[in-house]
Amino acid sequence: LSTLSAHITVVVFFFGPCIIVYVWPFPTLPID
């Protein structure tokens, strides 16, 4: 867990916004 925690954190930071921006049903909201 100590070894992988950095990788998992980076994955969440990178993919979280990507998923919301491109899968969000209202792609023109200011949150983008």
ModelCIF file with pLDDT and N, C-alpha, C, O atoms, coordinates in Angstrom:
data_MODEL
#
_entry.id   MODEL 
#
_entity.id                         1 
_entity.type                       polymer 
_entity.pdbx_number_of_molecules   1 
#
_entity_poly.entity_id                      1 
_entity_poly.type                           'polypeptide(L)' 
_entity_poly.nstd_linkage                   no 
_entity_poly.nstd_monomer                   no 
_entity_poly.pdbx_seq_one_letter_code       LSTLSAHITVVVFFFGPCIIVYVWPFPTLPID 
_entity_poly.pdbx_seq_one_letter_code_can   LSTLSAHITVVVFFFGPCIIVYVWPFPTLPID 
_entity_poly.pdbx_strand_id                 A 
#
loop_
_entity_poly_seq.entity_id 
_entity_poly_seq.num 
_entity_poly_seq.mon_id 
_entity_poly_seq.hetero 
1 1  LEU n 
1 2  SER n 
1 3  THR n 
1 4  LEU n 
1 5  SER n 
1 6  ALA n 
1 7  HIS n 
1 8  ILE n 
1 9  THR n 
1 10 VAL n 
1 11 VAL n 
1 12 VAL n 
1 13 PHE n 
1 14 PHE n 
1 15 PHE n 
1 16 GLY n 
1 17 PRO n 
1 18 CYS n 
1 19 ILE n 
1 20 ILE n 
1 21 VAL n 
1 22 TYR n 
1 23 VAL n 
1 24 TRP n 
1 25 PRO n 
1 26 PHE n 
1 27 PRO n 
1 28 THR n 
1 29 LEU n 
1 30 PRO n 
1 31 ILE n 
1 32 ASP n 
#
_struct_asym.id          A 
_struct_asym.entity_id   1 
#
loop_
_ma_qa_metric.id 
_ma_qa_metric.mode 
_ma_qa_metric.name 
_ma_qa_metric.software_group_id 
_ma_qa_metric.type 
1 global pLDDT . pLDDT 
2 local  pLDDT . pLDDT 
#
_ma_qa_metric_global.metric_id      1 
_ma_qa_metric_global.metric_value   71.59 
_ma_qa_metric_global.model_id       1 
_ma_qa_metric_global.ordinal_id     1 
#
loop_
_ma_qa_metric_local.label_asym_id 
_ma_qa_metric_local.label_comp_id 
_ma_qa_metric_local.label_seq_id 
_ma_qa_metric_local.metric_id 
_ma_qa_metric_local.metric_value 
_ma_qa_metric_local.model_id 
_ma_qa_metric_local.ordinal_id 
A LEU 1  2 64.00 1 1  
A SER 2  2 63.00 1 2  
A THR 3  2 62.00 1 3  
A LEU 4  2 71.00 1 4  
A SER 5  2 75.00 1 5  
A ALA 6  2 73.00 1 6  
A HIS 7  2 75.00 1 7  
A ILE 8  2 80.00 1 8  
A THR 9  2 80.00 1 9  
A VAL 10 2 81.00 1 10 
A VAL 11 2 84.00 1 11 
A VAL 12 2 84.00 1 12 
A PHE 13 2 81.00 1 13 
A PHE 14 2 82.00 1 14 
A PHE 15 2 84.00 1 15 
A GLY 16 2 81.00 1 16 
A PRO 17 2 80.00 1 17 
A CYS 18 2 80.00 1 18 
A ILE 19 2 79.00 1 19 
A ILE 20 2 78.00 1 20 
A VAL 21 2 75.00 1 21 
A TYR 22 2 76.00 1 22 
A VAL 23 2 72.00 1 23 
A TRP 24 2 66.00 1 24 
A PRO 25 2 51.00 1 25 
A PHE 26 2 50.00 1 26 
A PRO 27 2 52.00 1 27 
A THR 28 2 54.00 1 28 
A LEU 29 2 57.00 1 29 
A PRO 30 2 62.00 1 30 
A ILE 31 2 69.00 1 31 
A ASP 32 2 70.00 1 32 
#
loop_
_atom_site.group_PDB 
_atom_site.id 
_atom_site.type_symbol 
_atom_site.label_atom_id 
_atom_site.label_alt_id 
_atom_site.label_comp_id 
_atom_site.label_asym_id 
_atom_site.label_entity_id 
_atom_site.label_seq_id 
_atom_site.pdbx_PDB_ins_code 
_atom_site.Cartn_x 
_atom_site.Cartn_y 
_atom_site.Cartn_z 
_atom_site.occupancy 
_atom_site.B_iso_or_equiv 
_atom_site.pdbx_formal_charge 
_atom_site.auth_seq_id 
_atom_site.auth_comp_id 
_atom_site.auth_asym_id 
_atom_site.auth_atom_id 
_atom_site.pdbx_PDB_model_num 
ATOM 1   N N  . LEU A 1 1  ? 0.832   -1.204 0.000   1.00 64.00 ? 1  LEU A N  1 
ATOM 2   C CA . LEU A 1 1  ? 0.000   0.000  0.000   1.00 64.00 ? 1  LEU A CA 1 
ATOM 3   C C  . LEU A 1 1  ? 0.863   1.249  0.000   1.00 64.00 ? 1  LEU A C  1 
ATOM 4   O O  . LEU A 1 1  ? 0.536   2.236  -0.658  1.00 64.00 ? 1  LEU A O  1 
ATOM 5   N N  . SER A 1 2  ? 1.970   1.205  0.742   1.00 63.00 ? 2  SER A N  1 
ATOM 6   C CA . SER A 1 2  ? 2.885   2.341  0.767   1.00 63.00 ? 2  SER A CA 1 
ATOM 7   C C  . SER A 1 2  ? 3.481   2.586  -0.618  1.00 63.00 ? 2  SER A C  1 
ATOM 8   O O  . SER A 1 2  ? 3.653   3.731  -1.037  1.00 63.00 ? 2  SER A O  1 
ATOM 9   N N  . THR A 1 3  ? 3.796   1.492  -1.326  1.00 62.00 ? 3  THR A N  1 
ATOM 10  C CA . THR A 1 3  ? 4.377   1.615  -2.662  1.00 62.00 ? 3  THR A CA 1 
ATOM 11  C C  . THR A 1 3  ? 3.366   2.110  -3.685  1.00 62.00 ? 3  THR A C  1 
ATOM 12  O O  . THR A 1 3  ? 3.692   2.905  -4.568  1.00 62.00 ? 3  THR A O  1 
ATOM 13  N N  . LEU A 1 4  ? 2.124   1.625  -3.553  1.00 71.00 ? 4  LEU A N  1 
ATOM 14  C CA . LEU A 1 4  ? 1.112   1.892  -4.574  1.00 71.00 ? 4  LEU A CA 1 
ATOM 15  C C  . LEU A 1 4  ? 0.274   3.140  -4.316  1.00 71.00 ? 4  LEU A C  1 
ATOM 16  O O  . LEU A 1 4  ? -0.397  3.634  -5.222  1.00 71.00 ? 4  LEU A O  1 
ATOM 17  N N  . SER A 1 5  ? 0.309   3.649  -3.095  1.00 75.00 ? 5  SER A N  1 
ATOM 18  C CA . SER A 1 5  ? -0.570  4.770  -2.748  1.00 75.00 ? 5  SER A CA 1 
ATOM 19  C C  . SER A 1 5  ? -0.322  5.989  -3.631  1.00 75.00 ? 5  SER A C  1 
ATOM 20  O O  . SER A 1 5  ? -1.267  6.682  -4.008  1.00 75.00 ? 5  SER A O  1 
ATOM 21  N N  . ALA A 1 6  ? 0.944   6.258  -3.963  1.00 73.00 ? 6  ALA A N  1 
ATOM 22  C CA . ALA A 1 6  ? 1.256   7.395  -4.835  1.00 73.00 ? 6  ALA A CA 1 
ATOM 23  C C  . ALA A 1 6  ? 0.650   7.199  -6.220  1.00 73.00 ? 6  ALA A C  1 
ATOM 24  O O  . ALA A 1 6  ? 0.089   8.128  -6.800  1.00 73.00 ? 6  ALA A O  1 
ATOM 25  N N  . HIS A 1 7  ? 0.771   5.964  -6.750  1.00 75.00 ? 7  HIS A N  1 
ATOM 26  C CA . HIS A 1 7  ? 0.197   5.677  -8.064  1.00 75.00 ? 7  HIS A CA 1 
ATOM 27  C C  . HIS A 1 7  ? -1.318  5.832  -8.058  1.00 75.00 ? 7  HIS A C  1 
ATOM 28  O O  . HIS A 1 7  ? -1.889  6.419  -8.977  1.00 75.00 ? 7  HIS A O  1 
ATOM 29  N N  . ILE A 1 8  ? -1.968  5.309  -7.026  1.00 80.00 ? 8  ILE A N  1 
ATOM 30  C CA . ILE A 1 8  ? -3.433  5.374  -6.943  1.00 80.00 ? 8  ILE A CA 1 
ATOM 31  C C  . ILE A 1 8  ? -3.894  6.824  -6.831  1.00 80.00 ? 8  ILE A C  1 
ATOM 32  O O  . ILE A 1 8  ? -4.887  7.208  -7.449  1.00 80.00 ? 8  ILE A O  1 
ATOM 33  N N  . THR A 1 9  ? -3.185  7.625  -6.052  1.00 80.00 ? 9  THR A N  1 
ATOM 34  C CA . THR A 1 9  ? -3.544  9.036  -5.895  1.00 80.00 ? 9  THR A CA 1 
ATOM 35  C C  . THR A 1 9  ? -3.463  9.770  -7.227  1.00 80.00 ? 9  THR A C  1 
ATOM 36  O O  . THR A 1 9  ? -4.355  10.546 -7.571  1.00 80.00 ? 9  THR A O  1 
ATOM 37  N N  . VAL A 1 10 ? -2.392  9.522  -7.972  1.00 81.00 ? 10 VAL A N  1 
ATOM 38  C CA . VAL A 1 10 ? -2.231  10.156 -9.289  1.00 81.00 ? 10 VAL A CA 1 
ATOM 39  C C  . VAL A 1 10 ? -3.343  9.734  -10.236 1.00 81.00 ? 10 VAL A C  1 
ATOM 40  O O  . VAL A 1 10 ? -3.878  10.559 -10.977 1.00 81.00 ? 10 VAL A O  1 
ATOM 41  N N  . VAL A 1 11 ? -3.691  8.461  -10.216 1.00 84.00 ? 11 VAL A N  1 
ATOM 42  C CA . VAL A 1 11 ? -4.766  7.942  -11.075 1.00 84.00 ? 11 VAL A CA 1 
ATOM 43  C C  . VAL A 1 11 ? -6.083  8.646  -10.780 1.00 84.00 ? 11 VAL A C  1 
ATOM 44  O O  . VAL A 1 11 ? -6.795  9.040  -11.704 1.00 84.00 ? 11 VAL A O  1 
ATOM 45  N N  . VAL A 1 12 ? -6.415  8.808  -9.505  1.00 84.00 ? 12 VAL A N  1 
ATOM 46  C CA . VAL A 1 12 ? -7.673  9.464  -9.123  1.00 84.00 ? 12 VAL A CA 1 
ATOM 47  C C  . VAL A 1 12 ? -7.659  10.928 -9.545  1.00 84.00 ? 12 VAL A C  1 
ATOM 48  O O  . VAL A 1 12 ? -8.647  11.428 -10.084 1.00 84.00 ? 12 VAL A O  1 
ATOM 49  N N  . PHE A 1 13 ? -6.549  11.614 -9.304  1.00 81.00 ? 13 PHE A N  1 
ATOM 50  C CA . PHE A 1 13 ? -6.436  13.028 -9.693  1.00 81.00 ? 13 PHE A CA 1 
ATOM 51  C C  . PHE A 1 13 ? -6.590  13.205 -11.210 1.00 81.00 ? 13 PHE A C  1 
ATOM 52  O O  . PHE A 1 13 ? -7.230  14.152 -11.666 1.00 81.00 ? 13 PHE A O  1 
ATOM 53  N N  . PHE A 1 14 ? -6.001  12.290 -11.983 1.00 82.00 ? 14 PHE A N  1 
ATOM 54  C CA . PHE A 1 14 ? -6.014  12.433 -13.437 1.00 82.00 ? 14 PHE A CA 1 
ATOM 55  C C  . PHE A 1 14 ? -7.372  12.069 -14.033 1.00 82.00 ? 14 PHE A C  1 
ATOM 56  O O  . PHE A 1 14 ? -7.899  12.801 -14.871 1.00 82.00 ? 14 PHE A O  1 
ATOM 57  N N  . PHE A 1 15 ? -7.937  10.946 -13.606 1.00 84.00 ? 15 PHE A N  1 
ATOM 58  C CA . PHE A 1 15 ? -9.136  10.434 -14.266 1.00 84.00 ? 15 PHE A CA 1 
ATOM 59  C C  . PHE A 1 15 ? -10.428 11.052 -13.751 1.00 84.00 ? 15 PHE A C  1 
ATOM 60  O O  . PHE A 1 15 ? -11.416 11.096 -14.484 1.00 84.00 ? 15 PHE A O  1 
ATOM 61  N N  . GLY A 1 16 ? -10.448 11.531 -12.510 1.00 81.00 ? 16 GLY A N  1 
ATOM 62  C CA . GLY A 1 16 ? -11.667 12.127 -11.978 1.00 81.00 ? 16 GLY A CA 1 
ATOM 63  C C  . GLY A 1 16 ? -12.241 13.223 -12.862 1.00 81.00 ? 16 GLY A C  1 
ATOM 64  O O  . GLY A 1 16 ? -13.382 13.110 -13.310 1.00 81.00 ? 16 GLY A O  1 
ATOM 65  N N  . PRO A 1 17 ? -11.474 14.285 -13.126 1.00 80.00 ? 17 PRO A N  1 
ATOM 66  C CA . PRO A 1 17 ? -11.975 15.358 -14.004 1.00 80.00 ? 17 PRO A CA 1 
ATOM 67  C C  . PRO A 1 17 ? -12.278 14.878 -15.419 1.00 80.00 ? 17 PRO A C  1 
ATOM 68  O O  . PRO A 1 17 ? -13.262 15.316 -16.016 1.00 80.00 ? 17 PRO A O  1 
ATOM 69  N N  . CYS A 1 18 ? -11.451 13.984 -15.969 1.00 80.00 ? 18 CYS A N  1 
ATOM 70  C CA . CYS A 1 18 ? -11.671 13.490 -17.345 1.00 80.00 ? 18 CYS A CA 1 
ATOM 71  C C  . CYS A 1 18 ? -13.028 12.808 -17.469 1.00 80.00 ? 18 CYS A C  1 
ATOM 72  O O  . CYS A 1 18 ? -13.775 13.052 -18.416 1.00 80.00 ? 18 CYS A O  1 
ATOM 73  N N  . ILE A 1 19 ? -13.332 11.960 -16.510 1.00 79.00 ? 19 ILE A N  1 
ATOM 74  C CA . ILE A 1 19 ? -14.588 11.207 -16.569 1.00 79.00 ? 19 ILE A CA 1 
ATOM 75  C C  . ILE A 1 19 ? -15.780 12.150 -16.481 1.00 79.00 ? 19 ILE A C  1 
ATOM 76  O O  . ILE A 1 19 ? -16.750 11.999 -17.224 1.00 79.00 ? 19 ILE A O  1 
ATOM 77  N N  . ILE A 1 20 ? -15.713 13.126 -15.572 1.00 78.00 ? 20 ILE A N  1 
ATOM 78  C CA . ILE A 1 20 ? -16.838 14.055 -15.401 1.00 78.00 ? 20 ILE A CA 1 
ATOM 79  C C  . ILE A 1 20 ? -17.017 14.923 -16.643 1.00 78.00 ? 20 ILE A C  1 
ATOM 80  O O  . ILE A 1 20 ? -18.146 15.134 -17.085 1.00 78.00 ? 20 ILE A O  1 
ATOM 81  N N  . VAL A 1 21 ? -15.928 15.426 -17.210 1.00 75.00 ? 21 VAL A N  1 
ATOM 82  C CA . VAL A 1 21 ? -16.011 16.326 -18.373 1.00 75.00 ? 21 VAL A CA 1 
ATOM 83  C C  . VAL A 1 21 ? -16.586 15.620 -19.586 1.00 75.00 ? 21 VAL A C  1 
ATOM 84  O O  . VAL A 1 21 ? -17.412 16.192 -20.298 1.00 75.00 ? 21 VAL A O  1 
ATOM 85  N N  . TYR A 1 22 ? -16.160 14.371 -19.837 1.00 76.00 ? 22 TYR A N  1 
ATOM 86  C CA . TYR A 1 22 ? -16.542 13.707 -21.077 1.00 76.00 ? 22 TYR A CA 1 
ATOM 87  C C  . TYR A 1 22 ? -17.743 12.774 -20.951 1.00 76.00 ? 22 TYR A C  1 
ATOM 88  O O  . TYR A 1 22 ? -18.301 12.367 -21.970 1.00 76.00 ? 22 TYR A O  1 
ATOM 89  N N  . VAL A 1 23 ? -18.155 12.427 -19.747 1.00 72.00 ? 23 VAL A N  1 
ATOM 90  C CA . VAL A 1 23 ? -19.310 11.552 -19.581 1.00 72.00 ? 23 VAL A CA 1 
ATOM 91  C C  . VAL A 1 23 ? -20.487 12.312 -18.989 1.00 72.00 ? 23 VAL A C  1 
ATOM 92  O O  . VAL A 1 23 ? -21.624 11.845 -19.059 1.00 72.00 ? 23 VAL A O  1 
ATOM 93  N N  . TRP A 1 24 ? -20.226 13.476 -18.407 1.00 66.00 ? 24 TRP A N  1 
ATOM 94  C CA . TRP A 1 24 ? -21.281 14.283 -17.789 1.00 66.00 ? 24 TRP A CA 1 
ATOM 95  C C  . TRP A 1 24 ? -22.368 14.598 -18.807 1.00 66.00 ? 24 TRP A C  1 
ATOM 96  O O  . TRP A 1 24 ? -22.053 15.037 -19.913 1.00 66.00 ? 24 TRP A O  1 
ATOM 97  N N  . PRO A 1 25 ? -23.633 14.388 -18.470 1.00 51.00 ? 25 PRO A N  1 
ATOM 98  C CA . PRO A 1 25 ? -24.701 14.538 -19.466 1.00 51.00 ? 25 PRO A CA 1 
ATOM 99  C C  . PRO A 1 25 ? -24.950 15.972 -19.926 1.00 51.00 ? 25 PRO A C  1 
ATOM 100 O O  . PRO A 1 25 ? -25.650 16.182 -20.916 1.00 51.00 ? 25 PRO A O  1 
ATOM 101 N N  . PHE A 1 26 ? -24.392 16.966 -19.225 1.00 50.00 ? 26 PHE A N  1 
ATOM 102 C CA . PHE A 1 26 ? -24.574 18.361 -19.626 1.00 50.00 ? 26 PHE A CA 1 
ATOM 103 C C  . PHE A 1 26 ? -23.195 18.983 -19.842 1.00 50.00 ? 26 PHE A C  1 
ATOM 104 O O  . PHE A 1 26 ? -22.704 19.693 -18.964 1.00 50.00 ? 26 PHE A O  1 
ATOM 105 N N  . PRO A 1 27 ? -22.560 18.735 -20.988 1.00 52.00 ? 27 PRO A N  1 
ATOM 106 C CA . PRO A 1 27 ? -21.152 19.096 -21.201 1.00 52.00 ? 27 PRO A CA 1 
ATOM 107 C C  . PRO A 1 27 ? -20.879 20.584 -21.311 1.00 52.00 ? 27 PRO A C  1 
ATOM 108 O O  . PRO A 1 27 ? -19.730 20.980 -21.501 1.00 52.00 ? 27 PRO A O  1 
ATOM 109 N N  . THR A 1 28 ? -21.919 21.432 -21.194 1.00 54.00 ? 28 THR A N  1 
ATOM 110 C CA . THR A 1 28 ? -21.655 22.866 -21.287 1.00 54.00 ? 28 THR A CA 1 
ATOM 111 C C  . THR A 1 28 ? -21.805 23.569 -19.943 1.00 54.00 ? 28 THR A C  1 
ATOM 112 O O  . THR A 1 28 ? -21.844 24.798 -19.888 1.00 54.00 ? 28 THR A O  1 
ATOM 113 N N  . LEU A 1 29 ? -21.890 22.811 -18.875 1.00 57.00 ? 29 LEU A N  1 
ATOM 114 C CA . LEU A 1 29 ? -21.982 23.445 -17.559 1.00 57.00 ? 29 LEU A CA 1 
ATOM 115 C C  . LEU A 1 29 ? -20.648 24.091 -17.186 1.00 57.00 ? 29 LEU A C  1 
ATOM 116 O O  . LEU A 1 29 ? -19.596 23.594 -17.588 1.00 57.00 ? 29 LEU A O  1 
ATOM 117 N N  . PRO A 1 30 ? -20.670 25.202 -16.414 1.00 62.00 ? 30 PRO A N  1 
ATOM 118 C CA . PRO A 1 30 ? -19.424 25.887 -16.041 1.00 62.00 ? 30 PRO A CA 1 
ATOM 119 C C  . PRO A 1 30 ? -18.446 25.024 -15.264 1.00 62.00 ? 30 PRO A C  1 
ATOM 120 O O  . PRO A 1 30 ? -17.253 25.324 -15.226 1.00 62.00 ? 30 PRO A O  1 
ATOM 121 N N  . ILE A 1 31 ? -18.939 23.947 -14.638 1.00 69.00 ? 31 ILE A N  1 
ATOM 122 C CA . ILE A 1 31 ? -18.041 23.092 -13.858 1.00 69.00 ? 31 ILE A CA 1 
ATOM 123 C C  . ILE A 1 31 ? -16.931 22.528 -14.730 1.00 69.00 ? 31 ILE A C  1 
ATOM 124 O O  . ILE A 1 31 ? -15.844 22.222 -14.241 1.00 69.00 ? 31 ILE A O  1 
ATOM 125 N N  . ASP A 1 32 ? -17.212 22.388 -16.047 1.00 70.00 ? 32 ASP A N  1 
ATOM 126 C CA . ASP A 1 32 ? -16.191 21.870 -16.968 1.00 70.00 ? 32 ASP A CA 1 
ATOM 127 C C  . ASP A 1 32 ? -14.911 22.686 -16.916 1.00 70.00 ? 32 ASP A C  1 
ATOM 128 O O  . ASP A 1 32 ? -13.955 22.381 -17.630 1.00 70.00 ? 32 ASP A O  1 
#
